[in-house]
Amino acid sequence: MTDGLSNSVFMAEVLKEALFDVRGLVLSSIPGGGSFMTRLGPNKPQDIYSGPIYGDFLNQIIFSVNEPGLKLPFTGGSGDNGAYAGTRSWHPRGINVMMGGGSVRFI
């Protein structure tokens, strides 16, 4: 990247509640683990397309826990190519993100 690092999100908060939940793992090849998409806004269970999916859309049902009360909603059955997960935090109005320039912002 030659420019724009201070306006690019490099890392963001992702909740991990259960021991066997893939979301929040740092290194994982499973979609939703170690990565997030901006398709879901911070702490939002509904994606920008307003489709029928509620929460993260993941393939591996045995590696995820549907806990809407803990801000960890998900729908299973995505397949590896269509899976996505969003950013989540315990903050009521947003998440902390680390920008490419090294600063941290609350979005």
PDB file of N, CA and C in Angstrom:
ATOM      1  N   MET A   1       0.842  -1.168   0.000  1.00  0.00           N
ATOM      2  CA  MET A   1       0.000   0.000   0.000  1.00  0.00           C
ATOM      3  C   MET A   1       0.890   1.235   0.000  1.00  0.00           C
ATOM      4  N   THR A   2       0.574   2.166  -0.836  1.00  0.00           N
ATOM      5  CA  THR A   2       1.382   3.371  -0.913  1.00  0.00           C
ATOM      6  C   THR A   2       0.790   4.528  -0.117  1.00  0.00           C
ATOM      7  N   ASP A   3      -0.522   4.514   0.112  1.00  0.00           N
ATOM      8  CA  ASP A   3      -1.163   5.610   0.822  1.00  0.00           C
ATOM      9  C   ASP A   3      -2.474   5.112   1.410  1.00  0.00           C
ATOM     10  N   GLY A   4      -3.017   5.833   2.353  1.00  0.00           N
ATOM     11  CA  GLY A   4      -4.316   5.508   2.903  1.00  0.00           C
ATOM     12  C   GLY A   4      -4.300   4.559   4.086  1.00  0.00           C
ATOM     13  N   LEU A   5      -3.130   4.269   4.638  1.00  0.00           N
ATOM     14  CA  LEU A   5      -3.062   3.344   5.761  1.00  0.00           C
ATOM     15  C   LEU A   5      -3.792   3.866   6.988  1.00  0.00           C
ATOM     16  N   SER A   6      -3.801   5.170   7.187  1.00  0.00           N
ATOM     17  CA  SER A   6      -4.454   5.724   8.374  1.00  0.00           C
ATOM     18  C   SER A   6      -5.977   5.657   8.273  1.00  0.00           C
ATOM     19  N   ASN A   7      -6.513   5.315   7.104  1.00  0.00           N
ATOM     20  CA  ASN A   7      -7.957   5.171   6.921  1.00  0.00           C
ATOM     21  C   ASN A   7      -8.359   3.733   6.614  1.00  0.00           C
ATOM     22  N   SER A   8      -7.456   2.775   6.814  1.00  0.00           N
ATOM     23  CA  SER A   8      -7.736   1.368   6.544  1.00  0.00           C
ATOM     24  C   SER A   8      -7.740   0.581   7.842  1.00  0.00           C
ATOM     25  N   VAL A   9      -8.812  -0.168   8.080  1.00  0.00           N
ATOM     26  CA  VAL A   9      -8.907  -1.000   9.280  1.00  0.00           C
ATOM     27  C   VAL A   9      -8.064  -2.254   9.074  1.00  0.00           C
ATOM     28  N   PHE A  10      -7.134  -2.507   9.994  1.00  0.00           N
ATOM     29  CA  PHE A  10      -6.299  -3.704   9.928  1.00  0.00           C
ATOM     30  C   PHE A  10      -6.745  -4.761  10.925  1.00  0.00           C
ATOM     31  N   MET A  11      -7.238  -4.347  12.099  1.00  0.00           N
ATOM     32  CA  MET A  11      -7.710  -5.273  13.126  1.00  0.00           C
ATOM     33  C   MET A  11      -8.929  -4.671  13.806  1.00  0.00           C
ATOM     34  N   ALA A  12      -9.793  -5.544  14.341  1.00  0.00           N
ATOM     35  CA  ALA A  12     -10.960  -5.077  15.072  1.00  0.00           C
ATOM     36  C   ALA A  12     -11.322  -6.092  16.146  1.00  0.00           C
ATOM     37  N   GLU A  13     -12.145  -5.661  17.075  1.00  0.00           N
ATOM     38  CA  GLU A  13     -12.592  -6.561  18.141  1.00  0.00           C
ATOM     39  C   GLU A  13     -13.541  -7.623  17.594  1.00  0.00           C
ATOM     40  N   VAL A  14     -13.344  -8.842  18.058  1.00  0.00           N
ATOM     41  CA  VAL A  14     -14.233  -9.963  17.733  1.00  0.00           C
ATOM     42  C   VAL A  14     -14.431 -10.739  19.022  1.00  0.00           C
ATOM     43  N   LEU A  15     -15.677 -10.951  19.424  1.00  0.00           N
ATOM     44  CA  LEU A  15     -15.946 -11.673  20.665  1.00  0.00           C
ATOM     45  C   LEU A  15     -15.723 -13.167  20.504  1.00  0.00           C
ATOM     46  N   LYS A  16     -15.304 -13.770  21.585  1.00  0.00           N
ATOM     47  CA  LYS A  16     -15.185 -15.227  21.674  1.00  0.00           C
ATOM     48  C   LYS A  16     -15.724 -15.611  23.038  1.00  0.00           C
ATOM     49  N   GLU A  17     -16.761 -16.413  23.065  1.00  0.00           N
ATOM     50  CA  GLU A  17     -17.385 -16.775  24.330  1.00  0.00           C
ATOM     51  C   GLU A  17     -17.102 -18.225  24.714  1.00  0.00           C
ATOM     52  N   ALA A  18     -17.550 -19.159  23.910  1.00  0.00           N
ATOM     53  CA  ALA A  18     -17.387 -20.577  24.230  1.00  0.00           C
ATOM     54  C   ALA A  18     -15.991 -21.067  23.822  1.00  0.00           C
ATOM     55  N   LEU A  19     -15.496 -22.066  24.514  1.00  0.00           N
ATOM     56  CA  LEU A  19     -14.173 -22.602  24.211  1.00  0.00           C
ATOM     57  C   LEU A  19     -14.072 -23.178  22.809  1.00  0.00           C
ATOM     58  N   PHE A  20     -15.152 -23.756  22.303  1.00  0.00           N
ATOM     59  CA  PHE A  20     -15.106 -24.398  20.992  1.00  0.00           C
ATOM     60  C   PHE A  20     -15.701 -23.544  19.883  1.00  0.00           C
ATOM     61  N   ASP A  21     -15.897 -22.259  20.136  1.00  0.00           N
ATOM     62  CA  ASP A  21     -16.421 -21.357  19.105  1.00  0.00           C
ATOM     63  C   ASP A  21     -15.267 -20.866  18.233  1.00  0.00           C
ATOM     64  N   VAL A  22     -15.410 -20.997  16.911  1.00  0.00           N
ATOM     65  CA  VAL A  22     -14.349 -20.613  15.972  1.00  0.00           C
ATOM     66  C   VAL A  22     -14.147 -19.101  15.905  1.00  0.00           C
ATOM     67  N   ARG A  23     -15.179 -18.339  16.194  1.00  0.00           N
ATOM     68  CA  ARG A  23     -15.072 -16.885  16.095  1.00  0.00           C
ATOM     69  C   ARG A  23     -14.120 -16.353  17.161  1.00  0.00           C
ATOM     70  N   GLY A  24     -13.215 -15.512  16.747  1.00  0.00           N
ATOM     71  CA  GLY A  24     -12.252 -14.933  17.657  1.00  0.00           C
ATOM     72  C   GLY A  24     -10.912 -15.639  17.695  1.00  0.00           C
ATOM     73  N   LEU A  25     -10.781 -16.752  16.981  1.00  0.00           N
ATOM     74  CA  LEU A  25      -9.479 -17.412  16.908  1.00  0.00           C
ATOM     75  C   LEU A  25      -8.526 -16.547  16.092  1.00  0.00           C
ATOM     76  N   VAL A  26      -7.295 -16.455  16.518  1.00  0.00           N
ATOM     77  CA  VAL A  26      -6.326 -15.622  15.809  1.00  0.00           C
ATOM     78  C   VAL A  26      -5.899 -16.279  14.507  1.00  0.00           C
ATOM     79  N   LEU A  27      -5.509 -17.528  14.563  1.00  0.00           N
ATOM     80  CA  LEU A  27      -5.077 -18.244  13.366  1.00  0.00           C
ATOM     81  C   LEU A  27      -6.044 -19.382  13.076  1.00  0.00           C
ATOM     82  N   SER A  28      -6.750 -19.282  11.977  1.00  0.00           N
ATOM     83  CA  SER A  28      -7.702 -20.314  11.609  1.00  0.00           C
ATOM     84  C   SER A  28      -7.990 -20.226  10.122  1.00  0.00           C
ATOM     85  N   SER A  29      -8.093 -21.357   9.472  1.00  0.00           N
ATOM     86  CA  SER A  29      -8.455 -21.371   8.052  1.00  0.00           C
ATOM     87  C   SER A  29      -9.965 -21.452   7.867  1.00  0.00           C
ATOM     88  N   ILE A  30     -10.706 -21.602   8.961  1.00  0.00           N
ATOM     89  CA  ILE A  30     -12.160 -21.686   8.894  1.00  0.00           C
ATOM     90  C   ILE A  30     -12.730 -20.278   8.777  1.00  0.00           C
ATOM     91  N   PRO A  31     -13.588 -20.001   7.781  1.00  0.00           N
ATOM     92  CA  PRO A  31     -14.189 -18.669   7.659  1.00  0.00           C
ATOM     93  C   PRO A  31     -14.900 -18.264   8.946  1.00  0.00           C
ATOM     94  N   GLY A  32     -14.678 -17.039   9.361  1.00  0.00           N
ATOM     95  CA  GLY A  32     -15.222 -16.540  10.613  1.00  0.00           C
ATOM     96  C   GLY A  32     -14.204 -16.578  11.730  1.00  0.00           C
ATOM     97  N   GLY A  33     -13.237 -17.460  11.648  1.00  0.00           N
ATOM     98  CA  GLY A  33     -12.168 -17.528  12.632  1.00  0.00           C
ATOM     99  C   GLY A  33     -10.968 -16.761  12.113  1.00  0.00           C
ATOM    100  N   GLY A  34     -10.516 -15.795  12.846  1.00  0.00           N
ATOM    101  CA  GLY A  34      -9.359 -15.010  12.431  1.00  0.00           C
ATOM    102  C   GLY A  34      -9.665 -13.976  11.373  1.00  0.00           C
ATOM    103  N   SER A  35     -10.906 -13.821  10.975  1.00  0.00           N
ATOM    104  CA  SER A  35     -11.263 -12.815   9.969  1.00  0.00           C
ATOM    105  C   SER A  35     -12.681 -12.319  10.205  1.00  0.00           C
ATOM    106  N   PHE A  36     -12.964 -11.146   9.681  1.00  0.00           N
ATOM    107  CA  PHE A  36     -14.308 -10.581   9.754  1.00  0.00           C
ATOM    108  C   PHE A  36     -14.590  -9.854   8.456  1.00  0.00           C
ATOM    109  N   MET A  37     -15.861  -9.562   8.215  1.00  0.00           N
ATOM    110  CA  MET A  37     -16.258  -8.812   7.025  1.00  0.00           C
ATOM    111  C   MET A  37     -17.070  -7.601   7.439  1.00  0.00           C
ATOM    112  N   THR A  38     -17.008  -6.571   6.637  1.00  0.00           N
ATOM    113  CA  THR A  38     -17.787  -5.368   6.920  1.00  0.00           C
ATOM    114  C   THR A  38     -19.214  -5.489   6.416  1.00  0.00           C
ATOM    115  N   ARG A  39     -19.588  -6.658   5.954  1.00  0.00           N
ATOM    116  CA  ARG A  39     -20.971  -6.916   5.542  1.00  0.00           C
ATOM    117  C   ARG A  39     -21.913  -6.736   6.731  1.00  0.00           C
ATOM    118  N   LEU A  40     -21.430  -7.050   7.931  1.00  0.00           N
ATOM    119  CA  LEU A  40     -22.166  -6.807   9.167  1.00  0.00           C
ATOM    120  C   LEU A  40     -21.541  -5.606   9.857  1.00  0.00           C
ATOM    121  N   GLY A  41     -22.348  -4.641  10.245  1.00  0.00           N
ATOM    122  CA  GLY A  41     -21.816  -3.485  10.961  1.00  0.00           C
ATOM    123  C   GLY A  41     -21.381  -3.875  12.364  1.00  0.00           C
ATOM    124  N   PRO A  42     -20.641  -3.006  13.057  1.00  0.00           N
ATOM    125  CA  PRO A  42     -20.217  -3.312  14.420  1.00  0.00           C
ATOM    126  C   PRO A  42     -21.394  -3.659  15.329  1.00  0.00           C
ATOM    127  N   ASN A  43     -21.331  -4.829  15.944  1.00  0.00           N
ATOM    128  CA  ASN A  43     -22.361  -5.326  16.871  1.00  0.00           C
ATOM    129  C   ASN A  43     -23.739  -5.489  16.219  1.00  0.00           C
ATOM    130  N   LYS A  44     -23.808  -5.588  14.919  1.00  0.00           N
ATOM    131  CA  LYS A  44     -25.091  -5.721  14.217  1.00  0.00           C
ATOM    132  C   LYS A  44     -25.321  -7.168  13.788  1.00  0.00           C
ATOM    133  N   PRO A  45     -26.522  -7.704  14.012  1.00  0.00           N
ATOM    134  CA  PRO A  45     -26.817  -9.070  13.582  1.00  0.00           C
ATOM    135  C   PRO A  45     -27.371  -9.153  12.154  1.00  0.00           C
ATOM    136  N   GLN A  46     -27.802  -8.030  11.576  1.00  0.00           N
ATOM    137  CA  GLN A  46     -28.384  -8.015  10.231  1.00  0.00           C
ATOM    138  C   GLN A  46     -27.384  -7.448   9.246  1.00  0.00           C
ATOM    139  N   ASP A  47     -27.176  -8.146   8.117  1.00  0.00           N
ATOM    140  CA  ASP A  47     -26.186  -7.669   7.146  1.00  0.00           C
ATOM    141  C   ASP A  47     -26.742  -6.520   6.310  1.00  0.00           C
ATOM    142  N   ILE A  48     -25.877  -5.905   5.508  1.00  0.00           N
ATOM    143  CA  ILE A  48     -26.263  -4.726   4.736  1.00  0.00           C
ATOM    144  C   ILE A  48     -27.277  -5.040   3.646  1.00  0.00           C
ATOM    145  N   TYR A  49     -27.419  -6.317   3.286  1.00  0.00           N
ATOM    146  CA  TYR A  49     -28.367  -6.716   2.240  1.00  0.00           C
ATOM    147  C   TYR A  49     -29.748  -7.029   2.790  1.00  0.00           C
ATOM    148  N   SER A  50     -29.901  -7.005   4.120  1.00  0.00           N
ATOM    149  CA  SER A  50     -31.183  -7.281   4.793  1.00  0.00           C
ATOM    150  C   SER A  50     -31.785  -8.610   4.353  1.00  0.00           C
ATOM    151  N   GLY A  51     -30.945  -9.611   4.218  1.00  0.00           N
ATOM    152  CA  GLY A  51     -31.403 -10.945   3.834  1.00  0.00           C
ATOM    153  C   GLY A  51     -31.961 -11.710   5.017  1.00  0.00           C
ATOM    154  N   PRO A  52     -32.272 -12.977   4.816  1.00  0.00           N
ATOM    155  CA  PRO A  52     -32.882 -13.779   5.875  1.00  0.00           C
ATOM    156  C   PRO A  52     -31.881 -14.290   6.919  1.00  0.00           C
ATOM    157  N   ILE A  53     -30.586 -14.092   6.700  1.00  0.00           N
ATOM    158  CA  ILE A  53     -29.563 -14.570   7.617  1.00  0.00           C
ATOM    159  C   ILE A  53     -29.495 -13.653   8.835  1.00  0.00           C
ATOM    160  N   TYR A  54     -29.462 -14.247  10.024  1.00  0.00           N
ATOM    161  CA  TYR A  54     -29.363 -13.470  11.265  1.00  0.00           C
ATOM    162  C   TYR A  54     -28.026 -13.771  11.926  1.00  0.00           C
ATOM    163  N   GLY A  55     -27.177 -12.769  12.061  1.00  0.00           N
ATOM    164  CA  GLY A  55     -25.877 -12.947  12.689  1.00  0.00           C
ATOM    165  C   GLY A  55     -24.831 -13.419  11.699  1.00  0.00           C
ATOM    166  N   ASP A  56     -23.769 -14.006  12.236  1.00  0.00           N
ATOM    167  CA  ASP A  56     -22.698 -14.532  11.401  1.00  0.00           C
ATOM    168  C   ASP A  56     -23.214 -15.725  10.603  1.00  0.00           C
ATOM    169  N   PHE A  57     -22.740 -15.877   9.387  1.00  0.00           N
ATOM    170  CA  PHE A  57     -23.164 -16.973   8.512  1.00  0.00           C
ATOM    171  C   PHE A  57     -21.976 -17.909   8.375  1.00  0.00           C
ATOM    172  N   LEU A  58     -22.028 -19.025   9.066  1.00  0.00           N
ATOM    173  CA  LEU A  58     -20.891 -19.921   9.173  1.00  0.00           C
ATOM    174  C   LEU A  58     -21.221 -21.319   8.678  1.00  0.00           C
ATOM    175  N   ASN A  59     -20.203 -22.048   8.281  1.00  0.00           N
ATOM    176  CA  ASN A  59     -20.367 -23.409   7.782  1.00  0.00           C
ATOM    177  C   ASN A  59     -20.330 -24.430   8.904  1.00  0.00           C
ATOM    178  N   GLN A  60     -19.356 -24.318   9.777  1.00  0.00           N
ATOM    179  CA  GLN A  60     -19.117 -25.324  10.792  1.00  0.00           C
ATOM    180  C   GLN A  60     -20.003 -25.110  12.010  1.00  0.00           C
ATOM    181  N   ILE A  61     -21.149 -25.770  12.041  1.00  0.00           N
ATOM    182  CA  ILE A  61     -22.079 -25.623  13.151  1.00  0.00           C
ATOM    183  C   ILE A  61     -21.473 -26.169  14.441  1.00  0.00           C
ATOM    184  N   ILE A  62     -20.669 -27.223  14.353  1.00  0.00           N
ATOM    185  CA  ILE A  62     -20.097 -27.804  15.568  1.00  0.00           C
ATOM    186  C   ILE A  62     -19.007 -26.926  16.177  1.00  0.00           C
ATOM    187  N   PHE A  63     -18.513 -25.914  15.442  1.00  0.00           N
ATOM    188  CA  PHE A  63     -17.478 -25.022  15.952  1.00  0.00           C
ATOM    189  C   PHE A  63     -18.018 -23.648  16.310  1.00  0.00           C
ATOM    190  N   SER A  64     -19.328 -23.494  16.407  1.00  0.00           N
ATOM    191  CA  SER A  64     -19.921 -22.194  16.723  1.00  0.00           C
ATOM    192  C   SER A  64     -21.085 -22.366  17.679  1.00  0.00           C
ATOM    193  N   VAL A  65     -21.344 -21.332  18.464  1.00  0.00           N
ATOM    194  CA  VAL A  65     -22.423 -21.342  19.436  1.00  0.00           C
ATOM    195  C   VAL A  65     -23.355 -20.181  19.130  1.00  0.00           C
ATOM    196  N   ASN A  66     -24.646 -20.439  18.963  1.00  0.00           N
ATOM    197  CA  ASN A  66     -25.621 -19.384  18.714  1.00  0.00           C
ATOM    198  C   ASN A  66     -26.071 -18.823  20.062  1.00  0.00           C
ATOM    199  N   GLU A  67     -25.533 -17.675  20.426  1.00  0.00           N
ATOM    200  CA  GLU A  67     -25.847 -17.019  21.693  1.00  0.00           C
ATOM    201  C   GLU A  67     -26.191 -15.553  21.448  1.00  0.00           C
ATOM    202  N   PRO A  68     -27.405 -15.234  20.937  1.00  0.00           N
ATOM    203  CA  PRO A  68     -27.765 -13.841  20.667  1.00  0.00           C
ATOM    204  C   PRO A  68     -27.685 -12.939  21.904  1.00  0.00           C
ATOM    205  N   GLY A  69     -27.989 -13.474  23.079  1.00  0.00           N
ATOM    206  CA  GLY A  69     -27.926 -12.689  24.303  1.00  0.00           C
ATOM    207  C   GLY A  69     -26.507 -12.290  24.682  1.00  0.00           C
ATOM    208  N   LEU A  70     -25.522 -13.029  24.185  1.00  0.00           N
ATOM    209  CA  LEU A  70     -24.115 -12.719  24.432  1.00  0.00           C
ATOM    210  C   LEU A  70     -23.473 -12.026  23.239  1.00  0.00           C
ATOM    211  N   LYS A  71     -24.300 -11.520  22.313  1.00  0.00           N
ATOM    212  CA  LYS A  71     -23.854 -10.845  21.087  1.00  0.00           C
ATOM    213  C   LYS A  71     -23.094 -11.785  20.145  1.00  0.00           C
ATOM    214  N   LEU A  72     -23.466 -13.069  20.144  1.00  0.00           N
ATOM    215  CA  LEU A  72     -22.839 -14.052  19.259  1.00  0.00           C
ATOM    216  C   LEU A  72     -23.891 -14.818  18.458  1.00  0.00           C
ATOM    217  N   PRO A  73     -24.738 -14.110  17.686  1.00  0.00           N
ATOM    218  CA  PRO A  73     -25.722 -14.831  16.881  1.00  0.00           C
ATOM    219  C   PRO A  73     -25.084 -15.409  15.621  1.00  0.00           C
ATOM    220  N   PHE A  74     -25.572 -16.543  15.152  1.00  0.00           N
ATOM    221  CA  PHE A  74     -25.099 -17.081  13.883  1.00  0.00           C
ATOM    222  C   PHE A  74     -26.140 -17.990  13.271  1.00  0.00           C
ATOM    223  N   THR A  75     -26.027 -18.138  11.954  1.00  0.00           N
ATOM    224  CA  THR A  75     -26.827 -19.071  11.174  1.00  0.00           C
ATOM    225  C   THR A  75     -25.856 -20.011  10.495  1.00  0.00           C
ATOM    226  N   GLY A  76     -26.127 -21.289  10.522  1.00  0.00           N
ATOM    227  CA  GLY A  76     -25.219 -22.273   9.934  1.00  0.00           C
ATOM    228  C   GLY A  76     -25.607 -22.642   8.520  1.00  0.00           C
ATOM    229  N   GLY A  77     -24.716 -23.385   7.861  1.00  0.00           N
ATOM    230  CA  GLY A  77     -24.991 -23.917   6.536  1.00  0.00           C
ATOM    231  C   GLY A  77     -24.503 -23.080   5.384  1.00  0.00           C
ATOM    232  N   SER A  78     -23.479 -22.269   5.578  1.00  0.00           N
ATOM    233  CA  SER A  78     -23.047 -21.334   4.542  1.00  0.00           C
ATOM    234  C   SER A  78     -22.197 -21.958   3.449  1.00  0.00           C
ATOM    235  N   GLY A  79     -21.405 -22.969   3.768  1.00  0.00           N
ATOM    236  CA  GLY A  79     -20.369 -23.416   2.847  1.00  0.00           C
ATOM    237  C   GLY A  79     -19.155 -22.528   3.025  1.00  0.00           C
ATOM    238  N   ASP A  80     -17.981 -23.019   2.707  1.00  0.00           N
ATOM    239  CA  ASP A  80     -16.767 -22.245   2.961  1.00  0.00           C
ATOM    240  C   ASP A  80     -16.676 -20.967   2.129  1.00  0.00           C
ATOM    241  N   ASN A  81     -17.176 -20.960   0.911  1.00  0.00           N
ATOM    242  CA  ASN A  81     -17.055 -19.780   0.053  1.00  0.00           C
ATOM    243  C   ASN A  81     -18.008 -18.655   0.429  1.00  0.00           C
ATOM    244  N   GLY A  82     -19.109 -18.963   1.078  1.00  0.00           N
ATOM    245  CA  GLY A  82     -20.084 -17.924   1.395  1.00  0.00           C
ATOM    246  C   GLY A  82     -20.099 -17.493   2.846  1.00  0.00           C
ATOM    247  N   ALA A  83     -19.204 -18.027   3.658  1.00  0.00           N
ATOM    248  CA  ALA A  83     -19.218 -17.730   5.090  1.00  0.00           C
ATOM    249  C   ALA A  83     -18.732 -16.320   5.382  1.00  0.00           C
ATOM    250  N   TYR A  84     -19.289 -15.720   6.415  1.00  0.00           N
ATOM    251  CA  TYR A  84     -18.817 -14.408   6.879  1.00  0.00           C
ATOM    252  C   TYR A  84     -19.140 -14.239   8.363  1.00  0.00           C
ATOM    253  N   ALA A  85     -18.374 -13.400   9.016  1.00  0.00           N
ATOM    254  CA  ALA A  85     -18.580 -13.067  10.420  1.00  0.00           C
ATOM    255  C   ALA A  85     -18.308 -11.585  10.603  1.00  0.00           C
ATOM    256  N   GLY A  86     -18.961 -10.988  11.572  1.00  0.00           N
ATOM    257  CA  GLY A  86     -18.796  -9.557  11.814  1.00  0.00           C
ATOM    258  C   GLY A  86     -17.988  -9.265  13.053  1.00  0.00           C
ATOM    259  N   THR A  87     -17.783  -8.000  13.308  1.00  0.00           N
ATOM    260  CA  THR A  87     -17.053  -7.560  14.495  1.00  0.00           C
ATOM    261  C   THR A  87     -18.032  -7.393  15.648  1.00  0.00           C
ATOM    262  N   ARG A  88     -17.583  -7.738  16.842  1.00  0.00           N
ATOM    263  CA  ARG A  88     -18.437  -7.654  18.020  1.00  0.00           C
ATOM    264  C   ARG A  88     -17.597  -7.229  19.225  1.00  0.00           C
ATOM    265  N   SER A  89     -18.220  -6.526  20.149  1.00  0.00           N
ATOM    266  CA  SER A  89     -17.551  -6.149  21.391  1.00  0.00           C
ATOM    267  C   SER A  89     -18.603  -6.029  22.485  1.00  0.00           C
ATOM    268  N   TRP A  90     -18.139  -5.873  23.714  1.00  0.00           N
ATOM    269  CA  TRP A  90     -19.051  -5.668  24.836  1.00  0.00           C
ATOM    270  C   TRP A  90     -19.429  -4.200  24.976  1.00  0.00           C
ATOM    271  N   HIS A  91     -18.821  -3.306  24.194  1.00  0.00           N
ATOM    272  CA  HIS A  91     -19.176  -1.895  24.238  1.00  0.00           C
ATOM    273  C   HIS A  91     -20.575  -1.726  23.635  1.00  0.00           C
ATOM    274  N   PRO A  92     -21.445  -0.939  24.246  1.00  0.00           N
ATOM    275  CA  PRO A  92     -22.818  -0.841  23.747  1.00  0.00           C
ATOM    276  C   PRO A  92     -22.970  -0.122  22.409  1.00  0.00           C
ATOM    277  N   ARG A  93     -22.035   0.734  22.019  1.00  0.00           N
ATOM    278  CA  ARG A  93     -22.244   1.542  20.817  1.00  0.00           C
ATOM    279  C   ARG A  93     -21.236   1.326  19.703  1.00  0.00           C
ATOM    280  N   GLY A  94     -20.322   0.383  19.829  1.00  0.00           N
ATOM    281  CA  GLY A  94     -19.351   0.206  18.761  1.00  0.00           C
ATOM    282  C   GLY A  94     -18.224  -0.731  19.134  1.00  0.00           C
ATOM    283  N   ILE A  95     -17.138  -0.613  18.361  1.00  0.00           N
ATOM    284  CA  ILE A  95     -15.974  -1.473  18.540  1.00  0.00           C
ATOM    285  C   ILE A  95     -14.699  -0.642  18.432  1.00  0.00           C
ATOM    286  N   ASN A  96     -13.625  -1.146  18.990  1.00  0.00           N
ATOM    287  CA  ASN A  96     -12.303  -0.550  18.805  1.00  0.00           C
ATOM    288  C   ASN A  96     -11.662  -1.196  17.587  1.00  0.00           C
ATOM    289  N   VAL A  97     -11.050  -0.374  16.744  1.00  0.00           N
ATOM    290  CA  VAL A  97     -10.347  -0.885  15.568  1.00  0.00           C
ATOM    291  C   VAL A  97      -8.945  -0.307  15.538  1.00  0.00           C
ATOM    292  N   MET A  98      -8.001  -1.089  15.003  1.00  0.00           N
ATOM    293  CA  MET A  98      -6.644  -0.596  14.810  1.00  0.00           C
ATOM    294  C   MET A  98      -6.483  -0.258  13.330  1.00  0.00           C
ATOM    295  N   MET A  99      -6.067   0.960  13.067  1.00  0.00           N
ATOM    296  CA  MET A  99      -5.896   1.425  11.706  1.00  0.00           C
ATOM    297  C   MET A  99      -4.476   1.065  11.216  1.00  0.00           C
ATOM    298  N   GLY A 100      -4.292   1.065   9.909  1.00  0.00           N
ATOM    299  CA  GLY A 100      -3.009   0.732   9.318  1.00  0.00           C
ATOM    300  C   GLY A 100      -1.903   1.675   9.702  1.00  0.00           C
ATOM    301  N   GLY A 101      -2.228   2.893  10.069  1.00  0.00           N
ATOM    302  CA  GLY A 101      -1.222   3.860  10.481  1.00  0.00           C
ATOM    303  C   GLY A 101      -0.795   3.714  11.933  1.00  0.00           C
ATOM    304  N   GLY A 102      -1.430   2.774  12.677  1.00  0.00           N
ATOM    305  CA  GLY A 102      -1.065   2.518  14.069  1.00  0.00           C
ATOM    306  C   GLY A 102      -2.006   3.114  15.086  1.00  0.00           C
ATOM    307  N   SER A 103      -2.944   3.947  14.694  1.00  0.00           N
ATOM    308  CA  SER A 103      -3.873   4.542  15.654  1.00  0.00           C
ATOM    309  C   SER A 103      -5.006   3.565  15.950  1.00  0.00           C
ATOM    310  N   VAL A 104      -5.693   3.811  17.076  1.00  0.00           N
ATOM    311  CA  VAL A 104      -6.857   3.019  17.462  1.00  0.00           C
ATOM    312  C   VAL A 104      -8.044   3.972  17.499  1.00  0.00           C
ATOM    313  N   ARG A 105      -9.145   3.535  16.908  1.00  0.00           N
ATOM    314  CA  ARG A 105     -10.362   4.359  16.877  1.00  0.00           C
ATOM    315  C   ARG A 105     -11.544   3.550  17.370  1.00  0.00           C
ATOM    316  N   PHE A 106     -12.523   4.258  17.937  1.00  0.00           N
ATOM    317  CA  PHE A 106     -13.781   3.635  18.360  1.00  0.00           C
ATOM    318  C   PHE A 106     -14.806   3.943  17.276  1.00  0.00           C
ATOM    319  N   ILE A 107     -15.303   2.912  16.641  1.00  0.00           N
ATOM    320  CA  ILE A 107     -16.269   3.094  15.541  1.00  0.00           C
ATOM    321  C   ILE A 107     -17.624   2.606  15.986  1.00  0.00           C
TER     322      ILE A 107
END
